[in-house]
Amino acid sequence: MRLMLSLVIAGLALLLTAGVDAGGDKKAKEVKLKGTITCAKCDLGVAKACATVIVTKREKKDVTIYFDAASDKKYHAEICTEAKKGSLVGTIKKEGKKEIISVKELKFD
């Protein structure tokens, strides 16, 4: 009886661990992007407040990815009145319908 209980507990622990790993796909992943870094309000007119975004191509379509709060604060002054081409490395995640990137490195062309 004790052996059977131990096996059941070990099996449940294995299932829980596998479930955590499978859910890991929803976490942020590191990406490299090239495109136009600009303001979602002032340049694109798609937001009510200023927000730093990168407009990049995915499957031949323009995709707008928003910077997270810390990245927005760090880079917004440089692009609010003038969009700039550039590339960046960061971790991207989905929040609702928006994709949000936490920028680790940004280089303007």
N, C-alpha and C. Protein backbone atom coordinates (compact mmCIF):
# COMPACT_ATOMS: atom_id res chain seq x y z
N MET A 1 0.82 -1.19 0.00
CA MET A 1 0.00 0.00 0.00
C MET A 1 0.87 1.26 0.00
N ARG A 2 1.91 1.24 0.83
CA ARG A 2 2.82 2.38 0.90
C ARG A 2 3.54 2.59 -0.45
N LEU A 3 3.93 1.50 -1.09
CA LEU A 3 4.59 1.57 -2.38
C LEU A 3 3.67 2.18 -3.43
N MET A 4 2.41 1.76 -3.42
CA MET A 4 1.43 2.28 -4.37
C MET A 4 1.22 3.78 -4.15
N LEU A 5 1.12 4.22 -2.93
CA LEU A 5 0.95 5.63 -2.61
C LEU A 5 2.17 6.44 -3.05
N SER A 6 3.36 5.89 -2.84
CA SER A 6 4.59 6.56 -3.26
C SER A 6 4.63 6.72 -4.78
N LEU A 7 4.21 5.69 -5.50
CA LEU A 7 4.20 5.76 -6.96
C LEU A 7 3.19 6.79 -7.46
N VAL A 8 2.04 6.86 -6.83
CA VAL A 8 1.02 7.84 -7.22
C VAL A 8 1.54 9.26 -6.98
N ILE A 9 2.16 9.49 -5.84
CA ILE A 9 2.70 10.81 -5.51
C ILE A 9 3.81 11.19 -6.49
N ALA A 10 4.69 10.25 -6.80
CA ALA A 10 5.77 10.51 -7.75
C ALA A 10 5.20 10.82 -9.14
N GLY A 11 4.16 10.10 -9.54
CA GLY A 11 3.53 10.35 -10.83
C GLY A 11 2.89 11.73 -10.89
N LEU A 12 2.23 12.12 -9.81
CA LEU A 12 1.62 13.46 -9.76
C LEU A 12 2.68 14.55 -9.81
N ALA A 13 3.78 14.34 -9.11
CA ALA A 13 4.86 15.32 -9.13
C ALA A 13 5.44 15.45 -10.53
N LEU A 14 5.57 14.33 -11.22
CA LEU A 14 6.08 14.36 -12.59
C LEU A 14 5.11 15.11 -13.51
N LEU A 15 3.82 14.87 -13.37
CA LEU A 15 2.83 15.57 -14.18
C LEU A 15 2.84 17.07 -13.92
N LEU A 16 2.94 17.45 -12.66
CA LEU A 16 2.98 18.88 -12.32
C LEU A 16 4.22 19.54 -12.91
N THR A 17 5.36 18.87 -12.85
CA THR A 17 6.59 19.42 -13.41
C THR A 17 6.47 19.55 -14.92
N ALA A 18 5.92 18.56 -15.58
CA ALA A 18 5.73 18.63 -17.03
C ALA A 18 4.78 19.75 -17.40
N GLY A 19 3.75 19.96 -16.60
CA GLY A 19 2.79 21.04 -16.86
C GLY A 19 3.45 22.41 -16.76
N VAL A 20 4.36 22.57 -15.81
CA VAL A 20 5.07 23.84 -15.67
C VAL A 20 5.96 24.07 -16.88
N ASP A 21 6.66 23.05 -17.35
CA ASP A 21 7.52 23.20 -18.52
C ASP A 21 6.71 23.53 -19.76
N ALA A 22 5.56 22.90 -19.95
CA ALA A 22 4.73 23.16 -21.12
C ALA A 22 4.20 24.59 -21.08
N GLY A 23 3.92 25.11 -19.91
CA GLY A 23 3.44 26.47 -19.77
C GLY A 23 4.52 27.50 -20.00
N GLY A 24 5.78 27.07 -20.03
CA GLY A 24 6.89 27.98 -20.21
C GLY A 24 6.88 28.67 -21.56
N ASP A 25 6.18 28.12 -22.54
CA ASP A 25 6.12 28.72 -23.87
C ASP A 25 5.43 30.07 -23.84
N LYS A 26 4.62 30.34 -22.83
CA LYS A 26 3.89 31.60 -22.74
C LYS A 26 4.76 32.71 -22.16
N LYS A 27 5.93 32.36 -21.65
CA LYS A 27 6.82 33.36 -21.07
C LYS A 27 7.51 34.16 -22.17
N ALA A 28 8.16 35.23 -21.74
CA ALA A 28 8.86 36.09 -22.69
C ALA A 28 10.03 35.34 -23.33
N LYS A 29 10.29 35.64 -24.61
CA LYS A 29 11.41 35.03 -25.30
C LYS A 29 12.25 36.13 -25.93
N GLU A 30 13.57 35.89 -26.00
CA GLU A 30 14.47 36.90 -26.55
C GLU A 30 14.40 36.91 -28.07
N VAL A 31 14.36 38.12 -28.62
CA VAL A 31 14.28 38.29 -30.07
C VAL A 31 15.21 39.42 -30.52
N LYS A 32 15.53 39.40 -31.80
CA LYS A 32 16.27 40.49 -32.44
C LYS A 32 15.36 41.07 -33.51
N LEU A 33 15.15 42.39 -33.48
CA LEU A 33 14.24 43.04 -34.42
C LEU A 33 14.92 44.21 -35.11
N LYS A 34 14.55 44.45 -36.36
CA LYS A 34 14.97 45.64 -37.11
C LYS A 34 13.71 46.34 -37.58
N GLY A 35 13.75 47.66 -37.59
CA GLY A 35 12.59 48.39 -38.07
C GLY A 35 12.68 49.86 -37.73
N THR A 36 11.52 50.48 -37.64
CA THR A 36 11.42 51.90 -37.33
C THR A 36 10.96 52.06 -35.90
N ILE A 37 11.77 52.76 -35.10
CA ILE A 37 11.40 53.04 -33.71
C ILE A 37 10.77 54.42 -33.71
N THR A 38 9.55 54.51 -33.17
CA THR A 38 8.79 55.75 -33.28
C THR A 38 7.79 55.87 -32.13
N CYS A 39 6.96 56.92 -32.17
CA CYS A 39 5.94 57.17 -31.16
C CYS A 39 4.58 56.73 -31.69
N ALA A 40 3.89 55.93 -30.89
CA ALA A 40 2.57 55.42 -31.30
C ALA A 40 1.54 56.53 -31.41
N LYS A 41 1.70 57.60 -30.63
CA LYS A 41 0.74 58.71 -30.68
C LYS A 41 1.14 59.75 -31.73
N CYS A 42 2.33 60.30 -31.58
CA CYS A 42 2.74 61.44 -32.41
C CYS A 42 2.98 61.07 -33.87
N ASP A 43 3.55 59.91 -34.13
CA ASP A 43 3.88 59.54 -35.51
C ASP A 43 2.81 58.64 -36.12
N LEU A 44 2.40 57.61 -35.39
CA LEU A 44 1.45 56.64 -35.96
C LEU A 44 -0.01 57.00 -35.75
N GLY A 45 -0.30 57.77 -34.70
CA GLY A 45 -1.67 58.17 -34.40
C GLY A 45 -2.57 57.02 -33.96
N VAL A 46 -1.98 55.99 -33.34
CA VAL A 46 -2.78 54.83 -32.92
C VAL A 46 -2.95 54.74 -31.41
N ALA A 47 -2.40 55.71 -30.66
CA ALA A 47 -2.51 55.70 -29.20
C ALA A 47 -2.94 57.07 -28.71
N LYS A 48 -3.55 57.10 -27.54
CA LYS A 48 -3.99 58.37 -26.94
C LYS A 48 -2.86 59.07 -26.21
N ALA A 49 -1.84 58.32 -25.81
CA ALA A 49 -0.69 58.88 -25.09
C ALA A 49 0.58 58.44 -25.79
N CYS A 50 1.65 59.19 -25.61
CA CYS A 50 2.93 58.82 -26.20
C CYS A 50 3.36 57.43 -25.73
N ALA A 51 3.88 56.65 -26.64
CA ALA A 51 4.38 55.31 -26.34
C ALA A 51 5.41 54.94 -27.38
N THR A 52 6.55 54.44 -26.92
CA THR A 52 7.60 54.04 -27.85
C THR A 52 7.27 52.67 -28.42
N VAL A 53 7.40 52.55 -29.74
CA VAL A 53 7.11 51.29 -30.43
C VAL A 53 8.17 51.03 -31.49
N ILE A 54 8.25 49.79 -31.92
CA ILE A 54 9.03 49.45 -33.10
C ILE A 54 8.06 48.87 -34.12
N VAL A 55 8.14 49.38 -35.34
CA VAL A 55 7.34 48.85 -36.43
C VAL A 55 8.28 48.00 -37.27
N THR A 56 7.99 46.71 -37.34
CA THR A 56 8.85 45.77 -38.03
C THR A 56 8.00 44.91 -38.97
N LYS A 57 8.64 44.13 -39.79
CA LYS A 57 7.92 43.26 -40.74
C LYS A 57 7.85 41.84 -40.18
N ARG A 58 6.69 41.23 -40.34
CA ARG A 58 6.50 39.82 -40.00
C ARG A 58 5.58 39.26 -41.07
N GLU A 59 6.05 38.29 -41.80
CA GLU A 59 5.28 37.69 -42.89
C GLU A 59 4.79 38.76 -43.87
N LYS A 60 5.68 39.68 -44.21
CA LYS A 60 5.44 40.76 -45.18
C LYS A 60 4.39 41.77 -44.73
N LYS A 61 4.06 41.79 -43.44
CA LYS A 61 3.11 42.76 -42.89
C LYS A 61 3.79 43.57 -41.80
N ASP A 62 3.38 44.85 -41.68
CA ASP A 62 3.89 45.68 -40.59
C ASP A 62 3.29 45.22 -39.27
N VAL A 63 4.15 45.08 -38.27
CA VAL A 63 3.73 44.70 -36.92
C VAL A 63 4.25 45.76 -35.96
N THR A 64 3.40 46.24 -35.07
CA THR A 64 3.79 47.24 -34.09
C THR A 64 3.96 46.57 -32.74
N ILE A 65 5.16 46.72 -32.15
CA ILE A 65 5.46 46.13 -30.86
C ILE A 65 5.79 47.26 -29.90
N TYR A 66 5.10 47.31 -28.78
CA TYR A 66 5.25 48.37 -27.79
C TYR A 66 6.40 48.09 -26.85
N PHE A 67 7.14 49.13 -26.47
CA PHE A 67 8.19 49.01 -25.47
C PHE A 67 7.54 48.93 -24.09
N ASP A 68 8.16 48.20 -23.17
CA ASP A 68 7.66 48.18 -21.79
C ASP A 68 7.94 49.55 -21.15
N ALA A 69 7.43 49.77 -19.94
CA ALA A 69 7.52 51.08 -19.31
C ALA A 69 8.96 51.56 -19.14
N ALA A 70 9.86 50.70 -18.68
CA ALA A 70 11.25 51.10 -18.46
C ALA A 70 11.93 51.46 -19.79
N SER A 71 11.71 50.66 -20.81
CA SER A 71 12.32 50.92 -22.12
C SER A 71 11.74 52.18 -22.75
N ASP A 72 10.44 52.37 -22.59
CA ASP A 72 9.77 53.58 -23.11
C ASP A 72 10.39 54.83 -22.49
N LYS A 73 10.55 54.81 -21.18
CA LYS A 73 11.12 55.96 -20.48
C LYS A 73 12.55 56.25 -20.93
N LYS A 74 13.32 55.20 -21.17
CA LYS A 74 14.73 55.34 -21.54
C LYS A 74 14.92 55.89 -22.95
N TYR A 75 14.07 55.48 -23.90
CA TYR A 75 14.31 55.80 -25.31
C TYR A 75 13.32 56.79 -25.93
N HIS A 76 12.25 57.13 -25.26
CA HIS A 76 11.19 57.91 -25.91
C HIS A 76 11.62 59.31 -26.38
N ALA A 77 12.41 59.99 -25.59
CA ALA A 77 12.80 61.37 -25.94
C ALA A 77 13.52 61.42 -27.29
N GLU A 78 14.23 60.36 -27.64
CA GLU A 78 15.00 60.35 -28.89
C GLU A 78 14.12 60.18 -30.13
N ILE A 79 12.92 59.62 -29.96
CA ILE A 79 12.12 59.28 -31.15
C ILE A 79 10.75 59.95 -31.20
N CYS A 80 10.37 60.70 -30.19
CA CYS A 80 9.01 61.25 -30.15
C CYS A 80 8.70 62.15 -31.33
N THR A 81 9.62 63.02 -31.66
CA THR A 81 9.35 63.96 -32.75
C THR A 81 9.95 63.52 -34.08
N GLU A 82 10.76 62.46 -34.06
CA GLU A 82 11.38 61.99 -35.30
C GLU A 82 11.62 60.49 -35.23
N ALA A 83 10.95 59.74 -36.08
CA ALA A 83 11.14 58.28 -36.13
C ALA A 83 12.55 57.97 -36.61
N LYS A 84 13.13 56.88 -36.08
CA LYS A 84 14.48 56.49 -36.47
C LYS A 84 14.52 55.01 -36.79
N LYS A 85 15.29 54.66 -37.80
CA LYS A 85 15.54 53.26 -38.12
C LYS A 85 16.52 52.71 -37.10
N GLY A 86 16.35 51.43 -36.75
CA GLY A 86 17.26 50.84 -35.80
C GLY A 86 17.01 49.36 -35.61
N SER A 87 17.79 48.79 -34.72
CA SER A 87 17.64 47.38 -34.38
C SER A 87 17.74 47.24 -32.87
N LEU A 88 17.14 46.18 -32.36
CA LEU A 88 17.16 45.97 -30.92
C LEU A 88 17.14 44.49 -30.59
N VAL A 89 17.55 44.22 -29.35
CA VAL A 89 17.49 42.88 -28.78
C VAL A 89 16.71 43.03 -27.49
N GLY A 90 15.78 42.13 -27.27
CA GLY A 90 14.99 42.19 -26.05
C GLY A 90 14.12 40.97 -25.89
N THR A 91 13.36 40.96 -24.81
CA THR A 91 12.43 39.86 -24.56
C THR A 91 11.03 40.35 -24.84
N ILE A 92 10.29 39.53 -25.55
CA ILE A 92 8.96 39.91 -25.99
C ILE A 92 7.93 38.99 -25.35
N LYS A 93 6.79 39.58 -25.00
CA LYS A 93 5.68 38.80 -24.46
C LYS A 93 4.39 39.44 -24.93
N LYS A 94 3.33 38.72 -24.78
CA LYS A 94 2.02 39.19 -25.21
C LYS A 94 1.21 39.60 -23.98
N GLU A 95 0.61 40.77 -24.04
CA GLU A 95 -0.30 41.25 -22.99
C GLU A 95 -1.59 41.64 -23.67
N GLY A 96 -2.58 40.78 -23.58
CA GLY A 96 -3.82 41.01 -24.30
C GLY A 96 -3.55 40.89 -25.78
N LYS A 97 -3.92 41.92 -26.55
CA LYS A 97 -3.68 41.90 -27.99
C LYS A 97 -2.36 42.54 -28.38
N LYS A 98 -1.68 43.18 -27.41
CA LYS A 98 -0.42 43.88 -27.70
C LYS A 98 0.78 42.98 -27.41
N GLU A 99 1.81 43.18 -28.21
CA GLU A 99 3.10 42.57 -27.93
C GLU A 99 3.95 43.64 -27.26
N ILE A 100 4.60 43.26 -26.15
CA ILE A 100 5.40 44.18 -25.36
C ILE A 100 6.83 43.67 -25.34
N ILE A 101 7.79 44.58 -25.58
CA ILE A 101 9.20 44.19 -25.56
C ILE A 101 9.95 44.93 -24.46
N SER A 102 10.78 44.19 -23.76
CA SER A 102 11.69 44.76 -22.78
C SER A 102 13.06 44.83 -23.45
N VAL A 103 13.51 46.02 -23.76
CA VAL A 103 14.70 46.21 -24.57
C VAL A 103 15.96 46.05 -23.73
N LYS A 104 16.85 45.16 -24.21
CA LYS A 104 18.16 44.98 -23.57
C LYS A 104 19.22 45.82 -24.26
N GLU A 105 19.10 45.94 -25.58
CA GLU A 105 20.08 46.69 -26.37
C GLU A 105 19.38 47.31 -27.57
N LEU A 106 19.65 48.59 -27.83
CA LEU A 106 19.05 49.28 -28.97
C LEU A 106 20.14 50.07 -29.69
N LYS A 107 20.18 49.95 -31.02
CA LYS A 107 21.13 50.70 -31.83
C LYS A 107 20.37 51.39 -32.95
N PHE A 108 20.56 52.70 -33.06
CA PHE A 108 19.97 53.44 -34.18
C PHE A 108 20.92 53.37 -35.35
N ASP A 109 20.36 53.29 -36.56
CA ASP A 109 21.18 53.25 -37.79
C ASP A 109 21.83 54.58 -38.06
